[in-house]
PDB file of N, CA and C in Angstrom:
ATOM      1  N   MET A   1     -30.392 -23.666 -25.133  1.00  0.00           N
ATOM      2  CA  MET A   1     -29.152 -22.370 -25.481  1.00  0.00           C
ATOM      3  C   MET A   1     -29.227 -21.390 -24.964  1.00  0.00           C
ATOM      4  N   LEU A   2     -28.413 -20.871 -24.370  1.00  0.00           N
ATOM      5  CA  LEU A   2     -28.556 -19.309 -23.139  1.00  0.00           C
ATOM      6  C   LEU A   2     -28.398 -18.274 -25.419  1.00  0.00           C
ATOM      7  N   GLU A   3     -29.054 -17.280 -24.978  1.00  0.00           N
ATOM      8  CA  GLU A   3     -28.423 -16.252 -25.897  1.00  0.00           C
ATOM      9  C   GLU A   3     -27.313 -15.673 -25.145  1.00  0.00           C
ATOM     10  N   ARG A   4     -26.548 -15.251 -26.291  1.00  0.00           N
ATOM     11  CA  ARG A   4     -24.961 -14.436 -26.170  1.00  0.00           C
ATOM     12  C   ARG A   4     -24.649 -13.689 -24.760  1.00  0.00           C
ATOM     13  N   GLU A   5     -25.835 -12.540 -25.264  1.00  0.00           N
ATOM     14  CA  GLU A   5     -25.761 -11.660 -24.414  1.00  0.00           C
ATOM     15  C   GLU A   5     -26.246 -12.107 -23.183  1.00  0.00           C
ATOM     16  N   ARG A   6     -27.356 -12.890 -22.748  1.00  0.00           N
ATOM     17  CA  ARG A   6     -27.773 -13.704 -21.674  1.00  0.00           C
ATOM     18  C   ARG A   6     -26.174 -14.357 -20.730  1.00  0.00           C
ATOM     19  N   LEU A   7     -25.332 -15.172 -21.890  1.00  0.00           N
ATOM     20  CA  LEU A   7     -24.153 -15.367 -21.082  1.00  0.00           C
ATOM     21  C   LEU A   7     -23.277 -14.822 -20.368  1.00  0.00           C
ATOM     22  N   ILE A   8     -23.298 -13.460 -21.503  1.00  0.00           N
ATOM     23  CA  ILE A   8     -22.200 -12.203 -21.197  1.00  0.00           C
ATOM     24  C   ILE A   8     -22.533 -11.647 -19.509  1.00  0.00           C
ATOM     25  N   GLU A   9     -24.010 -11.896 -19.309  1.00  0.00           N
ATOM     26  CA  GLU A   9     -24.942 -11.136 -18.242  1.00  0.00           C
ATOM     27  C   GLU A   9     -24.065 -11.748 -17.130  1.00  0.00           C
ATOM     28  N   ILE A  10     -24.957 -13.316 -17.430  1.00  0.00           N
ATOM     29  CA  ILE A  10     -24.674 -14.327 -15.565  1.00  0.00           C
ATOM     30  C   ILE A  10     -23.282 -14.198 -15.821  1.00  0.00           C
ATOM     31  N   VAL A  11     -21.763 -14.001 -16.832  1.00  0.00           N
ATOM     32  CA  VAL A  11     -20.535 -14.524 -16.517  1.00  0.00           C
ATOM     33  C   VAL A  11     -20.340 -12.937 -15.447  1.00  0.00           C
ATOM     34  N   VAL A  12     -20.747 -12.116 -15.784  1.00  0.00           N
ATOM     35  CA  VAL A  12     -20.291 -10.561 -15.387  1.00  0.00           C
ATOM     36  C   VAL A  12     -20.677 -10.846 -14.145  1.00  0.00           C
ATOM     37  N   ALA A  13     -21.913 -11.084 -13.959  1.00  0.00           N
ATOM     38  CA  ALA A  13     -22.609 -11.065 -12.583  1.00  0.00           C
ATOM     39  C   ALA A  13     -22.024 -11.896 -11.508  1.00  0.00           C
ATOM     40  N   VAL A  14     -21.643 -13.314 -11.843  1.00  0.00           N
ATOM     41  CA  VAL A  14     -20.852 -13.980 -11.260  1.00  0.00           C
ATOM     42  C   VAL A  14     -19.343 -13.730 -10.459  1.00  0.00           C
ATOM     43  N   SER A  15     -18.893 -13.050 -12.007  1.00  0.00           N
ATOM     44  CA  SER A  15     -17.809 -12.782 -11.531  1.00  0.00           C
ATOM     45  C   SER A  15     -17.357 -11.231 -10.369  1.00  0.00           C
ATOM     46  N   VAL A  16     -18.499 -10.457 -10.600  1.00  0.00           N
ATOM     47  CA  VAL A  16     -18.708  -9.035  -9.647  1.00  0.00           C
ATOM     48  C   VAL A  16     -18.806  -9.844  -8.164  1.00  0.00           C
ATOM     49  N   VAL A  17     -20.069 -11.069  -7.984  1.00  0.00           N
ATOM     50  CA  VAL A  17     -20.036 -11.942  -6.761  1.00  0.00           C
ATOM     51  C   VAL A  17     -18.722 -12.464  -6.278  1.00  0.00           C
ATOM     52  N   VAL A  18     -18.428 -13.221  -6.838  1.00  0.00           N
ATOM     53  CA  VAL A  18     -17.011 -13.517  -6.858  1.00  0.00           C
ATOM     54  C   VAL A  18     -16.047 -12.844  -5.906  1.00  0.00           C
ATOM     55  N   ILE A  19     -15.392 -11.514  -7.139  1.00  0.00           N
ATOM     56  CA  ILE A  19     -14.882 -10.234  -5.904  1.00  0.00           C
ATOM     57  C   ILE A  19     -15.635 -10.512  -4.958  1.00  0.00           C
ATOM     58  N   MET A  20     -16.930  -9.908  -4.907  1.00  0.00           N
ATOM     59  CA  MET A  20     -17.317  -9.497  -3.016  1.00  0.00           C
ATOM     60  C   MET A  20     -17.411 -10.332  -2.539  1.00  0.00           C
ATOM     61  N   LEU A  21     -17.130 -11.946  -2.958  1.00  0.00           N
ATOM     62  CA  LEU A  21     -17.356 -12.712  -1.311  1.00  0.00           C
ATOM     63  C   LEU A  21     -15.427 -12.295  -1.105  1.00  0.00           C
ATOM     64  N   GLY A  22     -14.738 -12.162  -2.442  1.00  0.00           N
ATOM     65  CA  GLY A  22     -13.306 -13.036  -1.868  1.00  0.00           C
ATOM     66  C   GLY A  22     -12.918 -11.645  -1.058  1.00  0.00           C
ATOM     67  N   THR A  23     -13.870 -10.396  -1.215  1.00  0.00           N
ATOM     68  CA  THR A  23     -12.913  -9.033  -0.397  1.00  0.00           C
ATOM     69  C   THR A  23     -13.538  -9.372   1.009  1.00  0.00           C
ATOM     70  N   MET A  24     -14.981  -9.609   1.213  1.00  0.00           N
ATOM     71  CA  MET A  24     -15.388  -9.911   2.372  1.00  0.00           C
ATOM     72  C   MET A  24     -14.409 -10.666   3.332  1.00  0.00           C
ATOM     73  N   ILE A  25     -13.925 -12.022   2.846  1.00  0.00           N
ATOM     74  CA  ILE A  25     -13.383 -13.340   3.650  1.00  0.00           C
ATOM     75  C   ILE A  25     -11.877 -12.405   3.760  1.00  0.00           C
ATOM     76  N   ALA A  26     -11.532 -11.448   2.548  1.00  0.00           N
ATOM     77  CA  ALA A  26      -9.893 -10.803   3.292  1.00  0.00           C
ATOM     78  C   ALA A  26     -10.552 -10.139   4.441  1.00  0.00           C
ATOM     79  N   ILE A  27     -11.558  -8.651   4.259  1.00  0.00           N
ATOM     80  CA  ILE A  27     -11.873  -8.167   5.681  1.00  0.00           C
ATOM     81  C   ILE A  27     -12.059  -8.775   6.324  1.00  0.00           C
ATOM     82  N   GLY A  28     -12.216  -9.682   6.758  1.00  0.00           N
ATOM     83  CA  GLY A  28     -12.602 -10.716   8.006  1.00  0.00           C
ATOM     84  C   GLY A  28     -11.706 -11.769   8.510  1.00  0.00           C
ATOM     85  N   SER A  29     -10.569 -11.940   7.199  1.00  0.00           N
ATOM     86  CA  SER A  29      -9.646 -12.503   7.681  1.00  0.00           C
ATOM     87  C   SER A  29      -8.513 -11.540   8.163  1.00  0.00           C
ATOM     88  N   THR A  30      -8.314 -10.133   7.771  1.00  0.00           N
ATOM     89  CA  THR A  30      -7.520  -9.647   8.292  1.00  0.00           C
ATOM     90  C   THR A  30      -7.770  -8.790   9.597  1.00  0.00           C
ATOM     91  N   TYR A  31      -9.142  -8.656   9.418  1.00  0.00           N
ATOM     92  CA  TYR A  31      -9.170  -7.304  10.635  1.00  0.00           C
ATOM     93  C   TYR A  31     -10.335  -8.613  11.695  1.00  0.00           C
ATOM     94  N   SER A  32      -9.888  -9.831  12.125  1.00  0.00           N
ATOM     95  CA  SER A  32     -10.739 -10.536  12.729  1.00  0.00           C
ATOM     96  C   SER A  32      -9.669 -10.551  13.959  1.00  0.00           C
ATOM     97  N   ALA A  33     -10.218 -10.404  15.384  1.00  0.00           N
ATOM     98  CA  ALA A  33      -9.547 -10.911  16.808  1.00  0.00           C
ATOM     99  C   ALA A  33      -9.499 -11.888  16.696  1.00  0.00           C
ATOM    100  N   SER A  34      -7.909 -12.565  16.836  1.00  0.00           N
ATOM    101  CA  SER A  34      -7.893 -13.677  16.936  1.00  0.00           C
ATOM    102  C   SER A  34      -8.027 -14.557  17.673  1.00  0.00           C
ATOM    103  N   ASP A  35      -8.683 -14.041  19.390  1.00  0.00           N
ATOM    104  CA  ASP A  35      -9.147 -15.286  20.172  1.00  0.00           C
ATOM    105  C   ASP A  35     -10.891 -15.418  19.524  1.00  0.00           C
ATOM    106  N   ASP A  36     -12.179 -14.952  19.728  1.00  0.00           N
ATOM    107  CA  ASP A  36     -13.404 -14.798  19.272  1.00  0.00           C
ATOM    108  C   ASP A  36     -13.992 -14.921  17.865  1.00  0.00           C
ATOM    109  N   SER A  37     -12.826 -14.367  17.210  1.00  0.00           N
ATOM    110  CA  SER A  37     -13.134 -14.164  15.481  1.00  0.00           C
ATOM    111  C   SER A  37     -14.855 -13.256  15.084  1.00  0.00           C
ATOM    112  N   VAL A  38     -14.282 -12.205  16.553  1.00  0.00           N
ATOM    113  CA  VAL A  38     -14.937 -10.656  16.197  1.00  0.00           C
ATOM    114  C   VAL A  38     -14.526  -9.372  14.864  1.00  0.00           C
ATOM    115  N   LEU A  39     -15.385  -9.220  14.528  1.00  0.00           N
ATOM    116  CA  LEU A  39     -14.741  -8.110  13.468  1.00  0.00           C
ATOM    117  C   LEU A  39     -13.892  -7.312  14.269  1.00  0.00           C
ATOM    118  N   THR A  40     -13.137  -6.609  14.517  1.00  0.00           N
ATOM    119  CA  THR A  40     -13.225  -5.304  14.742  1.00  0.00           C
ATOM    120  C   THR A  40     -13.321  -4.216  14.597  1.00  0.00           C
ATOM    121  N   PRO A  41     -13.212  -3.306  14.450  1.00  0.00           N
ATOM    122  CA  PRO A  41     -14.129  -1.822  14.411  1.00  0.00           C
ATOM    123  C   PRO A  41     -13.888  -1.266  13.217  1.00  0.00           C
ATOM    124  N   ASP A  42     -12.559  -1.201  12.798  1.00  0.00           N
ATOM    125  CA  ASP A  42     -11.351  -0.979  11.618  1.00  0.00           C
ATOM    126  C   ASP A  42     -11.843  -1.721  10.392  1.00  0.00           C
ATOM    127  N   GLY A  43     -12.469  -3.359  10.916  1.00  0.00           N
ATOM    128  CA  GLY A  43     -12.618  -4.209   9.777  1.00  0.00           C
ATOM    129  C   GLY A  43     -14.347  -3.999   9.394  1.00  0.00           C
ATOM    130  N   ALA A  44     -14.872  -3.331  10.814  1.00  0.00           N
ATOM    131  CA  ALA A  44     -16.380  -3.171  10.123  1.00  0.00           C
ATOM    132  C   ALA A  44     -16.526  -1.953   8.937  1.00  0.00           C
ATOM    133  N   GLU A  45     -15.816  -0.882   8.909  1.00  0.00           N
ATOM    134  CA  GLU A  45     -15.608   0.364   8.326  1.00  0.00           C
ATOM    135  C   GLU A  45     -15.042  -0.448   7.132  1.00  0.00           C
ATOM    136  N   MET A  46     -14.579  -1.390   7.355  1.00  0.00           N
ATOM    137  CA  MET A  46     -13.712  -1.907   5.778  1.00  0.00           C
ATOM    138  C   MET A  46     -15.530  -2.358   5.298  1.00  0.00           C
ATOM    139  N   LEU A  47     -15.700  -3.485   6.162  1.00  0.00           N
ATOM    140  CA  LEU A  47     -16.409  -4.236   4.837  1.00  0.00           C
ATOM    141  C   LEU A  47     -17.957  -3.619   4.953  1.00  0.00           C
ATOM    142  N   VAL A  48     -18.516  -2.266   5.766  1.00  0.00           N
ATOM    143  CA  VAL A  48     -19.171  -1.338   4.996  1.00  0.00           C
ATOM    144  C   VAL A  48     -18.746  -0.145   3.600  1.00  0.00           C
ATOM    145  N   GLY A  49     -17.670  -0.255   3.837  1.00  0.00           N
ATOM    146  CA  GLY A  49     -16.714   0.521   2.700  1.00  0.00           C
ATOM    147  C   GLY A  49     -17.137  -0.460   1.768  1.00  0.00           C
ATOM    148  N   ALA A  50     -16.935  -2.220   1.553  1.00  0.00           N
ATOM    149  CA  ALA A  50     -16.569  -2.780   0.620  1.00  0.00           C
ATOM    150  C   ALA A  50     -18.309  -3.049  -0.079  1.00  0.00           C
ATOM    151  N   ILE A  51     -19.324  -2.870   0.577  1.00  0.00           N
ATOM    152  CA  ILE A  51     -20.286  -3.385  -0.106  1.00  0.00           C
ATOM    153  C   ILE A  51     -21.106  -2.035  -0.132  1.00  0.00           C
ATOM    154  N   ILE A  52     -20.209  -0.565  -0.091  1.00  0.00           N
ATOM    155  CA  ILE A  52     -21.194   0.490  -1.116  1.00  0.00           C
ATOM    156  C   ILE A  52     -20.532   0.242  -2.159  1.00  0.00           C
ATOM    157  N   GLY A  53     -19.195   0.039  -2.475  1.00  0.00           N
ATOM    158  CA  GLY A  53     -18.153   0.168  -3.703  1.00  0.00           C
ATOM    159  C   GLY A  53     -18.793  -1.521  -4.342  1.00  0.00           C
ATOM    160  N   PHE A  54     -19.498  -2.239  -3.722  1.00  0.00           N
ATOM    161  CA  PHE A  54     -19.723  -3.614  -4.608  1.00  0.00           C
ATOM    162  C   PHE A  54     -21.636  -2.746  -5.116  1.00  0.00           C
ATOM    163  N   ILE A  55     -22.244  -1.801  -4.254  1.00  0.00           N
ATOM    164  CA  ILE A  55     -23.502  -1.817  -4.925  1.00  0.00           C
ATOM    165  C   ILE A  55     -23.085  -0.285  -5.849  1.00  0.00           C
ATOM    166  N   ILE A  56     -21.848   0.628  -5.617  1.00  0.00           N
ATOM    167  CA  ILE A  56     -20.953   0.946  -6.985  1.00  0.00           C
ATOM    168  C   ILE A  56     -21.166   0.126  -8.216  1.00  0.00           C
ATOM    169  N   LEU A  57     -20.207  -0.549  -8.036  1.00  0.00           N
ATOM    170  CA  LEU A  57     -19.623  -1.099  -9.192  1.00  0.00           C
ATOM    171  C   LEU A  57     -20.842  -1.900  -9.799  1.00  0.00           C
ATOM    172  N   LEU A  58     -21.227  -2.425  -9.893  1.00  0.00           N
ATOM    173  CA  LEU A  58     -22.925  -3.463  -9.825  1.00  0.00           C
ATOM    174  C   LEU A  58     -23.679  -2.152 -11.034  1.00  0.00           C
ATOM    175  N   THR A  59     -23.384  -1.154 -10.604  1.00  0.00           N
ATOM    176  CA  THR A  59     -24.550  -0.232 -10.839  1.00  0.00           C
ATOM    177  C   THR A  59     -23.627   0.662 -12.521  1.00  0.00           C
ATOM    178  N   GLY A  60     -22.374   0.530 -12.145  1.00  0.00           N
ATOM    179  CA  GLY A  60     -21.444   0.801 -13.382  1.00  0.00           C
ATOM    180  C   GLY A  60     -21.647  -0.564 -13.873  1.00  0.00           C
ATOM    181  N   VAL A  61     -21.228  -1.926 -13.290  1.00  0.00           N
ATOM    182  CA  VAL A  61     -21.551  -2.947 -14.576  1.00  0.00           C
ATOM    183  C   VAL A  61     -22.590  -2.598 -15.080  1.00  0.00           C
ATOM    184  N   GLY A  62     -23.870  -2.271 -14.026  1.00  0.00           N
ATOM    185  CA  GLY A  62     -25.532  -2.743 -15.631  1.00  0.00           C
ATOM    186  C   GLY A  62     -25.423  -1.907 -15.967  1.00  0.00           C
ATOM    187  N   ILE A  63     -24.556  -0.130 -16.053  1.00  0.00           N
ATOM    188  CA  ILE A  63     -25.035   0.705 -17.344  1.00  0.00           C
ATOM    189  C   ILE A  63     -23.542   0.405 -18.220  1.00  0.00           C
ATOM    190  N   GLY A  64     -23.071   0.051 -17.802  1.00  0.00           N
ATOM    191  CA  GLY A  64     -21.311  -0.401 -18.982  1.00  0.00           C
ATOM    192  C   GLY A  64     -22.602  -1.685 -19.972  1.00  0.00           C
ATOM    193  N   LEU A  65     -22.880  -2.443 -19.284  1.00  0.00           N
ATOM    194  CA  LEU A  65     -23.327  -4.094 -19.979  1.00  0.00           C
ATOM    195  C   LEU A  65     -24.704  -3.732 -21.113  1.00  0.00           C
ATOM    196  N   ALA A  66     -25.938  -2.690 -20.272  1.00  0.00           N
ATOM    197  CA  ALA A  66     -26.326  -1.771 -21.399  1.00  0.00           C
ATOM    198  C   ALA A  66     -26.455  -1.199 -22.324  1.00  0.00           C
ATOM    199  N   TYR A  67     -25.195  -0.128 -22.373  1.00  0.00           N
ATOM    200  CA  TYR A  67     -24.111   0.391 -23.067  1.00  0.00           C
ATOM    201  C   TYR A  67     -23.454  -1.198 -24.315  1.00  0.00           C
ATOM    202  N   ILE A  68     -23.258  -1.545 -23.847  1.00  0.00           N
ATOM    203  CA  ILE A  68     -22.206  -2.944 -24.849  1.00  0.00           C
ATOM    204  C   ILE A  68     -22.795  -3.691 -25.340  1.00  0.00           C
ATOM    205  N   LEU A  69     -24.431  -3.914 -24.716  1.00  0.00           N
ATOM    206  CA  LEU A  69     -25.290  -4.948 -25.231  1.00  0.00           C
ATOM    207  C   LEU A  69     -26.255  -4.516 -26.279  1.00  0.00           C
ATOM    208  N   ASN A  70     -26.245  -2.851 -26.061  1.00  0.00           N
ATOM    209  CA  ASN A  70     -27.520  -2.431 -27.025  1.00  0.00           C
ATOM    210  C   ASN A  70     -26.859  -2.533 -28.416  1.00  0.00           C
ATOM    211  N   GLU A  71     -27.909  -3.262 -29.566  1.00  0.00           N
ATOM    212  CA  GLU A  71     -27.834  -3.812 -30.648  1.00  0.00           C
ATOM    213  C   GLU A  71     -28.469  -2.611 -31.385  1.00  0.00           C
ATOM    214  N   PRO A  72     -28.276  -1.604 -32.406  1.00  0.00           N
ATOM    215  CA  PRO A  72     -28.551  -0.671 -33.134  1.00  0.00           C
ATOM    216  C   PRO A  72     -30.877  -1.705 -33.436  1.00  0.00           C
ATOM    217  N   GLY A  73     -30.607  -2.568 -33.677  1.00  0.00           N
ATOM    218  CA  GLY A  73     -31.805  -2.684 -33.944  1.00  0.00           C
ATOM    219  C   GLY A  73     -33.395  -3.146 -33.289  1.00  0.00           C
ATOM    220  N   ASP A  74     -32.784  -3.095 -32.387  1.00  0.00           N
ATOM    221  CA  ASP A  74     -33.647  -2.781 -31.196  1.00  0.00           C
ATOM    222  C   ASP A  74     -34.979  -1.439 -30.979  1.00  0.00           C
ATOM    223  N   GLY A  75     -34.448  -0.864 -31.469  1.00  0.00           N
ATOM    224  CA  GLY A  75     -35.211   0.301 -31.149  1.00  0.00           C
ATOM    225  C   GLY A  75     -35.078   1.195 -30.350  1.00  0.00           C
ATOM    226  N   LEU A  76     -34.213   1.230 -29.248  1.00  0.00           N
ATOM    227  CA  LEU A  76     -33.402   1.904 -27.773  1.00  0.00           C
ATOM    228  C   LEU A  76     -33.489   3.208 -28.533  1.00  0.00           C
ATOM    229  N   GLU A  77     -32.600   3.666 -29.426  1.00  0.00           N
ATOM    230  CA  GLU A  77     -32.375   4.987 -29.849  1.00  0.00           C
ATOM    231  C   GLU A  77     -33.523   6.052 -30.471  1.00  0.00           C
ATOM    232  N   GLU A  78     -34.721   4.929 -31.025  1.00  0.00           N
ATOM    233  CA  GLU A  78     -35.704   5.590 -31.744  1.00  0.00           C
ATOM    234  C   GLU A  78     -36.214   6.201 -30.145  1.00  0.00           C
ATOM    235  N   ASP A  79     -36.248   5.527 -29.288  1.00  0.00           N
ATOM    236  CA  ASP A  79     -37.126   6.015 -27.853  1.00  0.00           C
ATOM    237  C   ASP A  79     -36.732   6.834 -27.582  1.00  0.00           C
ATOM    238  N   ALA A  80     -35.952   6.813 -27.658  1.00  0.00           N
ATOM    239  CA  ALA A  80     -34.798   8.387 -26.537  1.00  0.00           C
ATOM    240  C   ALA A  80     -34.704   8.900 -27.674  1.00  0.00           C
ATOM    241  N   GLU A  81     -34.934   9.404 -28.807  1.00  0.00           N
ATOM    242  CA  GLU A  81     -34.796  10.841 -30.154  1.00  0.00           C
ATOM    243  C   GLU A  81     -36.341  10.857 -29.907  1.00  0.00           C
ATOM    244  N   ALA A  82     -37.257  10.376 -29.698  1.00  0.00           N
ATOM    245  CA  ALA A  82     -38.289  10.762 -29.637  1.00  0.00           C
ATOM    246  C   ALA A  82     -39.361  11.437 -27.825  1.00  0.00           C
ATOM    247  N   SER A  83     -38.818  10.778 -26.995  1.00  0.00           N
ATOM    248  CA  SER A  83     -38.854  11.459 -26.311  1.00  0.00           C
ATOM    249  C   SER A  83     -38.251  12.499 -26.213  1.00  0.00           C
ATOM    250  N   SER A  84     -36.713  12.595 -26.731  1.00  0.00           N
ATOM    251  CA  SER A  84     -36.731  14.171 -26.418  1.00  0.00           C
ATOM    252  C   SER A  84     -36.823  15.365 -27.507  1.00  0.00           C
ATOM    253  N   THR A  85     -37.678  15.037 -28.116  1.00  0.00           N
ATOM    254  CA  THR A  85     -37.992  16.098 -29.357  1.00  0.00           C
ATOM    255  C   THR A  85     -40.151  16.546 -28.946  1.00  0.00           C
ATOM    256  N   ALA A  86     -39.858  15.952 -28.087  1.00  0.00           N
ATOM    257  CA  ALA A  86     -41.701  16.027 -27.439  1.00  0.00           C
ATOM    258  C   ALA A  86     -41.432  16.931 -26.325  1.00  0.00           C
TER     259      ALA A  86
END
């Protein structure tokens, strides 16, 4: 069985990817030309924005998980204090 922290990381990662896929599908269906299923220029800009947003979202999620799942017994606080005094 997986550890609790690993399960939380998996669920969060899968949820964010599903949100990204849903966003991409919504953009594709909203901004596609009706005849040939080609993305319009506005849709392309929206898609680039969604990809940039996805990168920023994953960065925030990663930082948030690092703080939430950090336990005092891991020794991470001691390393930070030692490097700041050196």
